[in-house]
Amino acid sequence: MEVKEIVFTKNNDKLIIDFLNKKIFYQDIIYNIKEDLLKKYLKKFMNITFNWQEEYINNTLLDGQSWEVIILYNDNSFKKYKGHNLTPDNFEVLKRLNDNLLQEVR
């Protein structure tokens, strides 16, 4: 299965990585991205999310952050990870990966 798109949402901030069209959508701006950079990103992304659970929920906090990661595949299947006030141990690694990707395409 090939990845068509990855959508990362944290609170109301959304990053969309479109592998088919080689584009990144972030804060109403569209960036073009080279295929080799997409491949590197995807490999690292899959290593980061490999052991993630589908949900990370902490109901003891009233306010906090919500996040969601959706991986859409070419056959229209998908994987979805989400959380509220709780993240996987390596969540910050994914945030840095996304930040680095955005820096490279800007």
PDB file of N, CA and C in Angstrom:
ATOM      1  N   MET A   1       0.839  -1.190   0.000  1.00  0.00           N
ATOM      2  CA  MET A   1       0.000   0.000   0.000  1.00  0.00           C
ATOM      3  C   MET A   1       0.877   1.245   0.000  1.00  0.00           C
ATOM      4  N   GLU A   2       0.606   2.101  -0.917  1.00  0.00           N
ATOM      5  CA  GLU A   2       1.350   3.346  -0.978  1.00  0.00           C
ATOM      6  C   GLU A   2       0.557   4.460  -0.297  1.00  0.00           C
ATOM      7  N   VAL A   3       1.286   5.350   0.338  1.00  0.00           N
ATOM      8  CA  VAL A   3       0.662   6.472   1.038  1.00  0.00           C
ATOM      9  C   VAL A   3       0.287   7.543   0.034  1.00  0.00           C
ATOM     10  N   LYS A   4      -0.947   7.993   0.138  1.00  0.00           N
ATOM     11  CA  LYS A   4      -1.447   9.073  -0.713  1.00  0.00           C
ATOM     12  C   LYS A   4      -1.299  10.417  -0.004  1.00  0.00           C
ATOM     13  N   GLU A   5      -1.583  10.415   1.307  1.00  0.00           N
ATOM     14  CA  GLU A   5      -1.601  11.681   2.035  1.00  0.00           C
ATOM     15  C   GLU A   5      -1.442  11.416   3.529  1.00  0.00           C
ATOM     16  N   ILE A   6      -0.777  12.338   4.201  1.00  0.00           N
ATOM     17  CA  ILE A   6      -0.709  12.331   5.652  1.00  0.00           C
ATOM     18  C   ILE A   6      -1.257  13.665   6.131  1.00  0.00           C
ATOM     19  N   VAL A   7      -2.170  13.598   7.082  1.00  0.00           N
ATOM     20  CA  VAL A   7      -2.774  14.804   7.652  1.00  0.00           C
ATOM     21  C   VAL A   7      -2.459  14.819   9.147  1.00  0.00           C
ATOM     22  N   PHE A   8      -1.769  15.856   9.580  1.00  0.00           N
ATOM     23  CA  PHE A   8      -1.409  16.019  10.983  1.00  0.00           C
ATOM     24  C   PHE A   8      -2.130  17.251  11.505  1.00  0.00           C
ATOM     25  N   THR A   9      -2.959  17.064  12.525  1.00  0.00           N
ATOM     26  CA  THR A   9      -3.711  18.167  13.115  1.00  0.00           C
ATOM     27  C   THR A   9      -3.401  18.235  14.601  1.00  0.00           C
ATOM     28  N   LYS A  10      -3.043  19.416  15.062  1.00  0.00           N
ATOM     29  CA  LYS A  10      -2.835  19.646  16.492  1.00  0.00           C
ATOM     30  C   LYS A  10      -3.632  20.882  16.858  1.00  0.00           C
ATOM     31  N   ASN A  11      -4.592  20.688  17.768  1.00  0.00           N
ATOM     32  CA  ASN A  11      -5.582  21.709  18.076  1.00  0.00           C
ATOM     33  C   ASN A  11      -6.214  22.137  16.750  1.00  0.00           C
ATOM     34  N   ASN A  12      -6.064  23.347  16.282  1.00  0.00           N
ATOM     35  CA  ASN A  12      -6.664  23.731  15.001  1.00  0.00           C
ATOM     36  C   ASN A  12      -5.627  23.941  13.911  1.00  0.00           C
ATOM     37  N   ASP A  13      -4.400  23.567  14.158  1.00  0.00           N
ATOM     38  CA  ASP A  13      -3.306  23.720  13.200  1.00  0.00           C
ATOM     39  C   ASP A  13      -3.202  22.447  12.364  1.00  0.00           C
ATOM     40  N   LYS A  14      -3.224  22.572  11.035  1.00  0.00           N
ATOM     41  CA  LYS A  14      -3.251  21.394  10.163  1.00  0.00           C
ATOM     42  C   LYS A  14      -2.110  21.436   9.158  1.00  0.00           C
ATOM     43  N   LEU A  15      -1.435  20.288   9.026  1.00  0.00           N
ATOM     44  CA  LEU A  15      -0.383  20.084   8.032  1.00  0.00           C
ATOM     45  C   LEU A  15      -0.815  18.915   7.160  1.00  0.00           C
ATOM     46  N   ILE A  16      -0.879  19.150   5.850  1.00  0.00           N
ATOM     47  CA  ILE A  16      -1.259  18.090   4.906  1.00  0.00           C
ATOM     48  C   ILE A  16      -0.089  17.846   3.971  1.00  0.00           C
ATOM     49  N   ILE A  17       0.329  16.596   3.893  1.00  0.00           N
ATOM     50  CA  ILE A  17       1.411  16.209   2.988  1.00  0.00           C
ATOM     51  C   ILE A  17       0.797  15.327   1.911  1.00  0.00           C
ATOM     52  N   ASP A  18       0.774  15.846   0.704  1.00  0.00           N
ATOM     53  CA  ASP A  18       0.156  15.182  -0.445  1.00  0.00           C
ATOM     54  C   ASP A  18       1.261  14.508  -1.263  1.00  0.00           C
ATOM     55  N   PHE A  19       1.348  13.189  -1.140  1.00  0.00           N
ATOM     56  CA  PHE A  19       2.415  12.443  -1.799  1.00  0.00           C
ATOM     57  C   PHE A  19       2.176  12.283  -3.302  1.00  0.00           C
ATOM     58  N   LEU A  20       0.933  12.251  -3.712  1.00  0.00           N
ATOM     59  CA  LEU A  20       0.624  12.088  -5.142  1.00  0.00           C
ATOM     60  C   LEU A  20       1.006  13.321  -5.947  1.00  0.00           C
ATOM     61  N   ASN A  21       0.682  14.489  -5.420  1.00  0.00           N
ATOM     62  CA  ASN A  21       0.932  15.741  -6.133  1.00  0.00           C
ATOM     63  C   ASN A  21       2.208  16.451  -5.686  1.00  0.00           C
ATOM     64  N   LYS A  22       2.901  15.858  -4.732  1.00  0.00           N
ATOM     65  CA  LYS A  22       4.158  16.408  -4.208  1.00  0.00           C
ATOM     66  C   LYS A  22       3.966  17.844  -3.712  1.00  0.00           C
ATOM     67  N   LYS A  23       3.003  17.975  -2.799  1.00  0.00           N
ATOM     68  CA  LYS A  23       2.672  19.288  -2.245  1.00  0.00           C
ATOM     69  C   LYS A  23       2.495  19.167  -0.734  1.00  0.00           C
ATOM     70  N   ILE A  24       2.741  20.292  -0.073  1.00  0.00           N
ATOM     71  CA  ILE A  24       2.467  20.415   1.348  1.00  0.00           C
ATOM     72  C   ILE A  24       1.545  21.607   1.530  1.00  0.00           C
ATOM     73  N   PHE A  25       0.506  21.420   2.322  1.00  0.00           N
ATOM     74  CA  PHE A  25      -0.443  22.478   2.629  1.00  0.00           C
ATOM     75  C   PHE A  25      -0.310  22.803   4.114  1.00  0.00           C
ATOM     76  N   TYR A  26       0.010  24.062   4.401  1.00  0.00           N
ATOM     77  CA  TYR A  26       0.166  24.468   5.797  1.00  0.00           C
ATOM     78  C   TYR A  26      -0.145  25.960   5.919  1.00  0.00           C
ATOM     79  N   GLN A  27      -1.057  26.290   6.821  1.00  0.00           N
ATOM     80  CA  GLN A  27      -1.463  27.667   7.088  1.00  0.00           C
ATOM     81  C   GLN A  27      -1.792  28.424   5.797  1.00  0.00           C
ATOM     82  N   ASP A  28      -2.641  27.860   4.986  1.00  0.00           N
ATOM     83  CA  ASP A  28      -3.124  28.468   3.741  1.00  0.00           C
ATOM     84  C   ASP A  28      -2.032  28.707   2.704  1.00  0.00           C
ATOM     85  N   ILE A  29      -0.900  28.037   2.850  1.00  0.00           N
ATOM     86  CA  ILE A  29       0.185  28.140   1.870  1.00  0.00           C
ATOM     87  C   ILE A  29       0.453  26.757   1.303  1.00  0.00           C
ATOM     88  N   ILE A  30       0.704  26.711  -0.001  1.00  0.00           N
ATOM     89  CA  ILE A  30       1.024  25.451  -0.682  1.00  0.00           C
ATOM     90  C   ILE A  30       2.498  25.473  -1.047  1.00  0.00           C
ATOM     91  N   TYR A  31       3.200  24.430  -0.637  1.00  0.00           N
ATOM     92  CA  TYR A  31       4.620  24.293  -0.951  1.00  0.00           C
ATOM     93  C   TYR A  31       4.821  23.089  -1.854  1.00  0.00           C
ATOM     94  N   ASN A  32       5.689  23.218  -2.834  1.00  0.00           N
ATOM     95  CA  ASN A  32       6.098  22.075  -3.642  1.00  0.00           C
ATOM     96  C   ASN A  32       7.206  21.343  -2.911  1.00  0.00           C
ATOM     97  N   ILE A  33       7.257  20.032  -3.090  1.00  0.00           N
ATOM     98  CA  ILE A  33       8.277  19.247  -2.411  1.00  0.00           C
ATOM     99  C   ILE A  33       8.840  18.207  -3.366  1.00  0.00           C
ATOM    100  N   LYS A  34      10.122  17.984  -3.285  1.00  0.00           N
ATOM    101  CA  LYS A  34      10.784  17.017  -4.160  1.00  0.00           C
ATOM    102  C   LYS A  34      10.527  15.599  -3.675  1.00  0.00           C
ATOM    103  N   GLU A  35      10.487  14.687  -4.639  1.00  0.00           N
ATOM    104  CA  GLU A  35      10.159  13.299  -4.323  1.00  0.00           C
ATOM    105  C   GLU A  35      11.155  12.662  -3.362  1.00  0.00           C
ATOM    106  N   ASP A  36      12.439  12.951  -3.509  1.00  0.00           N
ATOM    107  CA  ASP A  36      13.424  12.346  -2.603  1.00  0.00           C
ATOM    108  C   ASP A  36      13.208  12.809  -1.161  1.00  0.00           C
ATOM    109  N   LEU A  37      12.808  14.049  -0.972  1.00  0.00           N
ATOM    110  CA  LEU A  37      12.512  14.549   0.363  1.00  0.00           C
ATOM    111  C   LEU A  37      11.263  13.880   0.932  1.00  0.00           C
ATOM    112  N   LEU A  38      10.274  13.670   0.082  1.00  0.00           N
ATOM    113  CA  LEU A  38       9.065  12.953   0.506  1.00  0.00           C
ATOM    114  C   LEU A  38       9.392  11.529   0.956  1.00  0.00           C
ATOM    115  N   LYS A  39      10.242  10.852   0.217  1.00  0.00           N
ATOM    116  CA  LYS A  39      10.615   9.478   0.567  1.00  0.00           C
ATOM    117  C   LYS A  39      11.343   9.428   1.905  1.00  0.00           C
ATOM    118  N   LYS A  40      12.257  10.353   2.119  1.00  0.00           N
ATOM    119  CA  LYS A  40      12.984  10.410   3.397  1.00  0.00           C
ATOM    120  C   LYS A  40      12.020  10.672   4.549  1.00  0.00           C
ATOM    121  N   TYR A  41      11.123  11.625   4.325  1.00  0.00           N
ATOM    122  CA  TYR A  41      10.138  11.953   5.349  1.00  0.00           C
ATOM    123  C   TYR A  41       9.285  10.735   5.680  1.00  0.00           C
ATOM    124  N   LEU A  42       8.764  10.069   4.657  1.00  0.00           N
ATOM    125  CA  LEU A  42       7.862   8.943   4.870  1.00  0.00           C
ATOM    126  C   LEU A  42       8.552   7.820   5.636  1.00  0.00           C
ATOM    127  N   LYS A  43       9.776   7.543   5.313  1.00  0.00           N
ATOM    128  CA  LYS A  43      10.516   6.488   6.019  1.00  0.00           C
ATOM    129  C   LYS A  43      10.639   6.827   7.501  1.00  0.00           C
ATOM    130  N   LYS A  44      11.019   8.059   7.807  1.00  0.00           N
ATOM    131  CA  LYS A  44      11.155   8.478   9.202  1.00  0.00           C
ATOM    132  C   LYS A  44       9.796   8.490   9.900  1.00  0.00           C
ATOM    133  N   PHE A  45       8.777   8.982   9.201  1.00  0.00           N
ATOM    134  CA  PHE A  45       7.428   9.035   9.755  1.00  0.00           C
ATOM    135  C   PHE A  45       6.940   7.638  10.141  1.00  0.00           C
ATOM    136  N   MET A  46       7.118   6.685   9.251  1.00  0.00           N
ATOM    137  CA  MET A  46       6.658   5.314   9.518  1.00  0.00           C
ATOM    138  C   MET A  46       7.427   4.691  10.692  1.00  0.00           C
ATOM    139  N   ASN A  47       8.703   4.995  10.806  1.00  0.00           N
ATOM    140  CA  ASN A  47       9.478   4.500  11.947  1.00  0.00           C
ATOM    141  C   ASN A  47       8.980   5.104  13.259  1.00  0.00           C
ATOM    142  N   ILE A  48       8.603   6.355  13.230  1.00  0.00           N
ATOM    143  CA  ILE A  48       8.112   7.027  14.438  1.00  0.00           C
ATOM    144  C   ILE A  48       6.769   6.454  14.867  1.00  0.00           C
ATOM    145  N   THR A  49       5.854   6.247  13.940  1.00  0.00           N
ATOM    146  CA  THR A  49       4.477   5.848  14.267  1.00  0.00           C
ATOM    147  C   THR A  49       4.263   4.335  14.294  1.00  0.00           C
ATOM    148  N   PHE A  50       5.307   3.578  14.037  1.00  0.00           N
ATOM    149  CA  PHE A  50       5.188   2.120  13.896  1.00  0.00           C
ATOM    150  C   PHE A  50       4.453   1.456  15.060  1.00  0.00           C
ATOM    151  N   ASN A  51       4.757   1.820  16.283  1.00  0.00           N
ATOM    152  CA  ASN A  51       4.163   1.156  17.451  1.00  0.00           C
ATOM    153  C   ASN A  51       3.092   1.979  18.152  1.00  0.00           C
ATOM    154  N   TRP A  52       2.582   2.976  17.484  1.00  0.00           N
ATOM    155  CA  TRP A  52       1.583   3.817  18.126  1.00  0.00           C
ATOM    156  C   TRP A  52       0.263   3.069  18.307  1.00  0.00           C
ATOM    157  N   GLN A  53      -0.440   3.430  19.379  1.00  0.00           N
ATOM    158  CA  GLN A  53      -1.802   2.966  19.595  1.00  0.00           C
ATOM    159  C   GLN A  53      -2.749   3.878  18.818  1.00  0.00           C
ATOM    160  N   GLU A  54      -3.974   3.445  18.645  1.00  0.00           N
ATOM    161  CA  GLU A  54      -4.935   4.279  17.915  1.00  0.00           C
ATOM    162  C   GLU A  54      -5.355   5.512  18.710  1.00  0.00           C
ATOM    163  N   GLU A  55      -5.427   5.392  20.053  1.00  0.00           N
ATOM    164  CA  GLU A  55      -5.883   6.520  20.867  1.00  0.00           C
ATOM    165  C   GLU A  55      -4.991   6.721  22.085  1.00  0.00           C
ATOM    166  N   TYR A  56      -4.792   8.005  22.399  1.00  0.00           N
ATOM    167  CA  TYR A  56      -4.095   8.423  23.608  1.00  0.00           C
ATOM    168  C   TYR A  56      -4.981   9.466  24.271  1.00  0.00           C
ATOM    169  N   ILE A  57      -5.690   9.064  25.318  1.00  0.00           N
ATOM    170  CA  ILE A  57      -6.677   9.942  25.935  1.00  0.00           C
ATOM    171  C   ILE A  57      -6.404  10.044  27.436  1.00  0.00           C
ATOM    172  N   ASN A  58      -6.363  11.278  27.937  1.00  0.00           N
ATOM    173  CA  ASN A  58      -6.269  11.537  29.367  1.00  0.00           C
ATOM    174  C   ASN A  58      -7.472  12.385  29.736  1.00  0.00           C
ATOM    175  N   ASN A  59      -8.457  11.776  30.356  1.00  0.00           N
ATOM    176  CA  ASN A  59      -9.694  12.479  30.698  1.00  0.00           C
ATOM    177  C   ASN A  59      -9.622  13.215  32.029  1.00  0.00           C
ATOM    178  N   THR A  60      -8.489  13.139  32.719  1.00  0.00           N
ATOM    179  CA  THR A  60      -8.395  13.807  34.018  1.00  0.00           C
ATOM    180  C   THR A  60      -8.108  15.298  33.881  1.00  0.00           C
ATOM    181  N   LEU A  61      -7.662  15.740  32.725  1.00  0.00           N
ATOM    182  CA  LEU A  61      -7.415  17.164  32.478  1.00  0.00           C
ATOM    183  C   LEU A  61      -8.590  17.767  31.719  1.00  0.00           C
ATOM    184  N   LEU A  62      -9.018  18.951  32.129  1.00  0.00           N
ATOM    185  CA  LEU A  62     -10.157  19.585  31.476  1.00  0.00           C
ATOM    186  C   LEU A  62      -9.752  20.319  30.210  1.00  0.00           C
ATOM    187  N   ASP A  63      -8.655  21.039  30.245  1.00  0.00           N
ATOM    188  CA  ASP A  63      -8.173  21.772  29.080  1.00  0.00           C
ATOM    189  C   ASP A  63      -6.879  21.131  28.615  1.00  0.00           C
ATOM    190  N   GLY A  64      -6.567  21.321  27.374  1.00  0.00           N
ATOM    191  CA  GLY A  64      -5.307  20.773  26.883  1.00  0.00           C
ATOM    192  C   GLY A  64      -5.301  20.678  25.382  1.00  0.00           C
ATOM    193  N   GLN A  65      -4.399  19.874  24.913  1.00  0.00           N
ATOM    194  CA  GLN A  65      -4.233  19.770  23.461  1.00  0.00           C
ATOM    195  C   GLN A  65      -4.911  18.518  22.913  1.00  0.00           C
ATOM    196  N   SER A  66      -5.439  18.671  21.725  1.00  0.00           N
ATOM    197  CA  SER A  66      -5.959  17.540  20.959  1.00  0.00           C
ATOM    198  C   SER A  66      -5.127  17.426  19.695  1.00  0.00           C
ATOM    199  N   TRP A  67      -4.937  16.210  19.229  1.00  0.00           N
ATOM    200  CA  TRP A  67      -4.160  15.998  18.015  1.00  0.00           C
ATOM    201  C   TRP A  67      -4.706  14.780  17.285  1.00  0.00           C
ATOM    202  N   GLU A  68      -4.354  14.712  15.998  1.00  0.00           N
ATOM    203  CA  GLU A  68      -4.797  13.594  15.158  1.00  0.00           C
ATOM    204  C   GLU A  68      -3.821  13.443  13.993  1.00  0.00           C
ATOM    205  N   VAL A  69      -3.530  12.218  13.664  1.00  0.00           N
ATOM    206  CA  VAL A  69      -2.720  11.898  12.493  1.00  0.00           C
ATOM    207  C   VAL A  69      -3.505  10.889  11.668  1.00  0.00           C
ATOM    208  N   ILE A  70      -3.715  11.216  10.397  1.00  0.00           N
ATOM    209  CA  ILE A  70      -4.412  10.305   9.487  1.00  0.00           C
ATOM    210  C   ILE A  70      -3.481   9.998   8.323  1.00  0.00           C
ATOM    211  N   ILE A  71      -3.331   8.716   8.049  1.00  0.00           N
ATOM    212  CA  ILE A  71      -2.542   8.267   6.896  1.00  0.00           C
ATOM    213  C   ILE A  71      -3.532   7.687   5.890  1.00  0.00           C
ATOM    214  N   LEU A  72      -3.639   8.321   4.717  1.00  0.00           N
ATOM    215  CA  LEU A  72      -4.528   7.843   3.663  1.00  0.00           C
ATOM    216  C   LEU A  72      -3.696   7.090   2.625  1.00  0.00           C
ATOM    217  N   TYR A  73      -4.172   5.928   2.241  1.00  0.00           N
ATOM    218  CA  TYR A  73      -3.465   5.106   1.259  1.00  0.00           C
ATOM    219  C   TYR A  73      -4.139   5.198  -0.109  1.00  0.00           C
ATOM    220  N   ASN A  74      -3.406   4.815  -1.136  1.00  0.00           N
ATOM    221  CA  ASN A  74      -3.922   4.894  -2.510  1.00  0.00           C
ATOM    222  C   ASN A  74      -5.192   4.079  -2.725  1.00  0.00           C
ATOM    223  N   ASP A  75      -5.373   3.024  -1.951  1.00  0.00           N
ATOM    224  CA  ASP A  75      -6.578   2.201  -2.099  1.00  0.00           C
ATOM    225  C   ASP A  75      -7.743   2.748  -1.254  1.00  0.00           C
ATOM    226  N   ASN A  76      -7.591   3.980  -0.740  1.00  0.00           N
ATOM    227  CA  ASN A  76      -8.585   4.683   0.079  1.00  0.00           C
ATOM    228  C   ASN A  76      -8.758   4.118   1.482  1.00  0.00           C
ATOM    229  N   SER A  77      -7.907   3.166   1.886  1.00  0.00           N
ATOM    230  CA  SER A  77      -7.909   2.751   3.282  1.00  0.00           C
ATOM    231  C   SER A  77      -7.128   3.801   4.077  1.00  0.00           C
ATOM    232  N   PHE A  78      -7.194   3.726   5.388  1.00  0.00           N
ATOM    233  CA  PHE A  78      -6.494   4.717   6.202  1.00  0.00           C
ATOM    234  C   PHE A  78      -6.167   4.159   7.579  1.00  0.00           C
ATOM    235  N   LYS A  79      -5.212   4.817   8.241  1.00  0.00           N
ATOM    236  CA  LYS A  79      -4.906   4.605   9.647  1.00  0.00           C
ATOM    237  C   LYS A  79      -5.124   5.936  10.339  1.00  0.00           C
ATOM    238  N   LYS A  80      -5.619   5.862  11.561  1.00  0.00           N
ATOM    239  CA  LYS A  80      -5.894   7.096  12.285  1.00  0.00           C
ATOM    240  C   LYS A  80      -5.380   6.958  13.717  1.00  0.00           C
ATOM    241  N   TYR A  81      -4.626   7.955  14.143  1.00  0.00           N
ATOM    242  CA  TYR A  81      -4.142   8.042  15.512  1.00  0.00           C
ATOM    243  C   TYR A  81      -4.663   9.360  16.074  1.00  0.00           C
ATOM    244  N   LYS A  82      -5.083   9.341  17.335  1.00  0.00           N
ATOM    245  CA  LYS A  82      -5.558  10.585  17.912  1.00  0.00           C
ATOM    246  C   LYS A  82      -5.305  10.605  19.407  1.00  0.00           C
ATOM    247  N   GLY A  83      -5.312  11.813  19.934  1.00  0.00           N
ATOM    248  CA  GLY A  83      -5.097  11.945  21.358  1.00  0.00           C
ATOM    249  C   GLY A  83      -5.678  13.230  21.907  1.00  0.00           C
ATOM    250  N   HIS A  84      -5.895  13.193  23.207  1.00  0.00           N
ATOM    251  CA  HIS A  84      -6.351  14.380  23.930  1.00  0.00           C
ATOM    252  C   HIS A  84      -5.639  14.389  25.279  1.00  0.00           C
ATOM    253  N   ASN A  85      -4.789  15.399  25.465  1.00  0.00           N
ATOM    254  CA  ASN A  85      -4.017  15.568  26.697  1.00  0.00           C
ATOM    255  C   ASN A  85      -3.042  14.422  26.969  1.00  0.00           C
ATOM    256  N   LEU A  86      -2.732  13.636  25.954  1.00  0.00           N
ATOM    257  CA  LEU A  86      -1.780  12.541  26.085  1.00  0.00           C
ATOM    258  C   LEU A  86      -1.221  12.233  24.703  1.00  0.00           C
ATOM    259  N   THR A  87       0.071  11.929  24.651  1.00  0.00           N
ATOM    260  CA  THR A  87       0.729  11.632  23.379  1.00  0.00           C
ATOM    261  C   THR A  87       1.611  10.401  23.534  1.00  0.00           C
ATOM    262  N   PRO A  88       1.990   9.778  22.417  1.00  0.00           N
ATOM    263  CA  PRO A  88       2.989   8.709  22.483  1.00  0.00           C
ATOM    264  C   PRO A  88       4.321   9.289  22.964  1.00  0.00           C
ATOM    265  N   ASP A  89       5.178   8.422  23.479  1.00  0.00           N
ATOM    266  CA  ASP A  89       6.471   8.871  24.008  1.00  0.00           C
ATOM    267  C   ASP A  89       7.294   9.644  22.988  1.00  0.00           C
ATOM    268  N   ASN A  90       7.206   9.279  21.727  1.00  0.00           N
ATOM    269  CA  ASN A  90       8.041   9.910  20.693  1.00  0.00           C
ATOM    270  C   ASN A  90       7.283  10.959  19.871  1.00  0.00           C
ATOM    271  N   PHE A  91       6.223  11.515  20.418  1.00  0.00           N
ATOM    272  CA  PHE A  91       5.415  12.497  19.703  1.00  0.00           C
ATOM    273  C   PHE A  91       6.229  13.741  19.347  1.00  0.00           C
ATOM    274  N   GLU A  92       7.101  14.168  20.236  1.00  0.00           N
ATOM    275  CA  GLU A  92       7.935  15.342  19.961  1.00  0.00           C
ATOM    276  C   GLU A  92       8.864  15.099  18.771  1.00  0.00           C
ATOM    277  N   VAL A  93       9.266  13.849  18.574  1.00  0.00           N
ATOM    278  CA  VAL A  93      10.114  13.506  17.429  1.00  0.00           C
ATOM    279  C   VAL A  93       9.343  13.742  16.136  1.00  0.00           C
ATOM    280  N   LEU A  94       8.060  13.385  16.118  1.00  0.00           N
ATOM    281  CA  LEU A  94       7.230  13.644  14.939  1.00  0.00           C
ATOM    282  C   LEU A  94       7.057  15.144  14.716  1.00  0.00           C
ATOM    283  N   LYS A  95       6.857  15.902  15.782  1.00  0.00           N
ATOM    284  CA  LYS A  95       6.718  17.349  15.629  1.00  0.00           C
ATOM    285  C   LYS A  95       7.992  17.960  15.049  1.00  0.00           C
ATOM    286  N   ARG A  96       9.152  17.507  15.506  1.00  0.00           N
ATOM    287  CA  ARG A  96      10.419  18.014  14.958  1.00  0.00           C
ATOM    288  C   ARG A  96      10.583  17.603  13.499  1.00  0.00           C
ATOM    289  N   LEU A  97      10.183  16.382  13.164  1.00  0.00           N
ATOM    290  CA  LEU A  97      10.252  15.929  11.775  1.00  0.00           C
ATOM    291  C   LEU A  97       9.397  16.833  10.888  1.00  0.00           C
ATOM    292  N   ASN A  98       8.189  17.153  11.334  1.00  0.00           N
ATOM    293  CA  ASN A  98       7.308  18.040  10.568  1.00  0.00           C
ATOM    294  C   ASN A  98       7.885  19.448  10.455  1.00  0.00           C
ATOM    295  N   ASP A  99       8.424  19.949  11.553  1.00  0.00           N
ATOM    296  CA  ASP A  99       9.045  21.287  11.529  1.00  0.00           C
ATOM    297  C   ASP A  99      10.217  21.332  10.554  1.00  0.00           C
ATOM    298  N   ASN A 100      11.049  20.299  10.587  1.00  0.00           N
ATOM    299  CA  ASN A 100      12.202  20.234   9.673  1.00  0.00           C
ATOM    300  C   ASN A 100      11.756  20.162   8.218  1.00  0.00           C
ATOM    301  N   LEU A 101      10.689  19.414   7.959  1.00  0.00           N
ATOM    302  CA  LEU A 101      10.163  19.315   6.600  1.00  0.00           C
ATOM    303  C   LEU A 101       9.706  20.692   6.116  1.00  0.00           C
ATOM    304  N   LEU A 102       8.977  21.406   6.947  1.00  0.00           N
ATOM    305  CA  LEU A 102       8.496  22.737   6.580  1.00  0.00           C
ATOM    306  C   LEU A 102       9.658  23.694   6.335  1.00  0.00           C
ATOM    307  N   GLN A 103      10.695  23.607   7.139  1.00  0.00           N
ATOM    308  CA  GLN A 103      11.865  24.466   6.927  1.00  0.00           C
ATOM    309  C   GLN A 103      12.528  24.187   5.593  1.00  0.00           C
ATOM    310  N   GLU A 104      12.548  22.929   5.190  1.00  0.00           N
ATOM    311  CA  GLU A 104      13.204  22.567   3.936  1.00  0.00           C
ATOM    312  C   GLU A 104      12.442  23.023   2.696  1.00  0.00           C
ATOM    313  N   VAL A 105      11.128  23.130   2.795  1.00  0.00           N
ATOM    314  CA  VAL A 105      10.346  23.518   1.611  1.00  0.00           C
ATOM    315  C   VAL A 105      10.068  25.013   1.541  1.00  0.00           C
ATOM    316  N   ARG A 106      10.332  25.723   2.582  1.00  0.00           N
ATOM    317  CA  ARG A 106      10.077  27.175   2.592  1.00  0.00           C
ATOM    318  C   ARG A 106      11.140  27.912   1.852  1.00  0.00           C
TER     319      ARG A 106
END
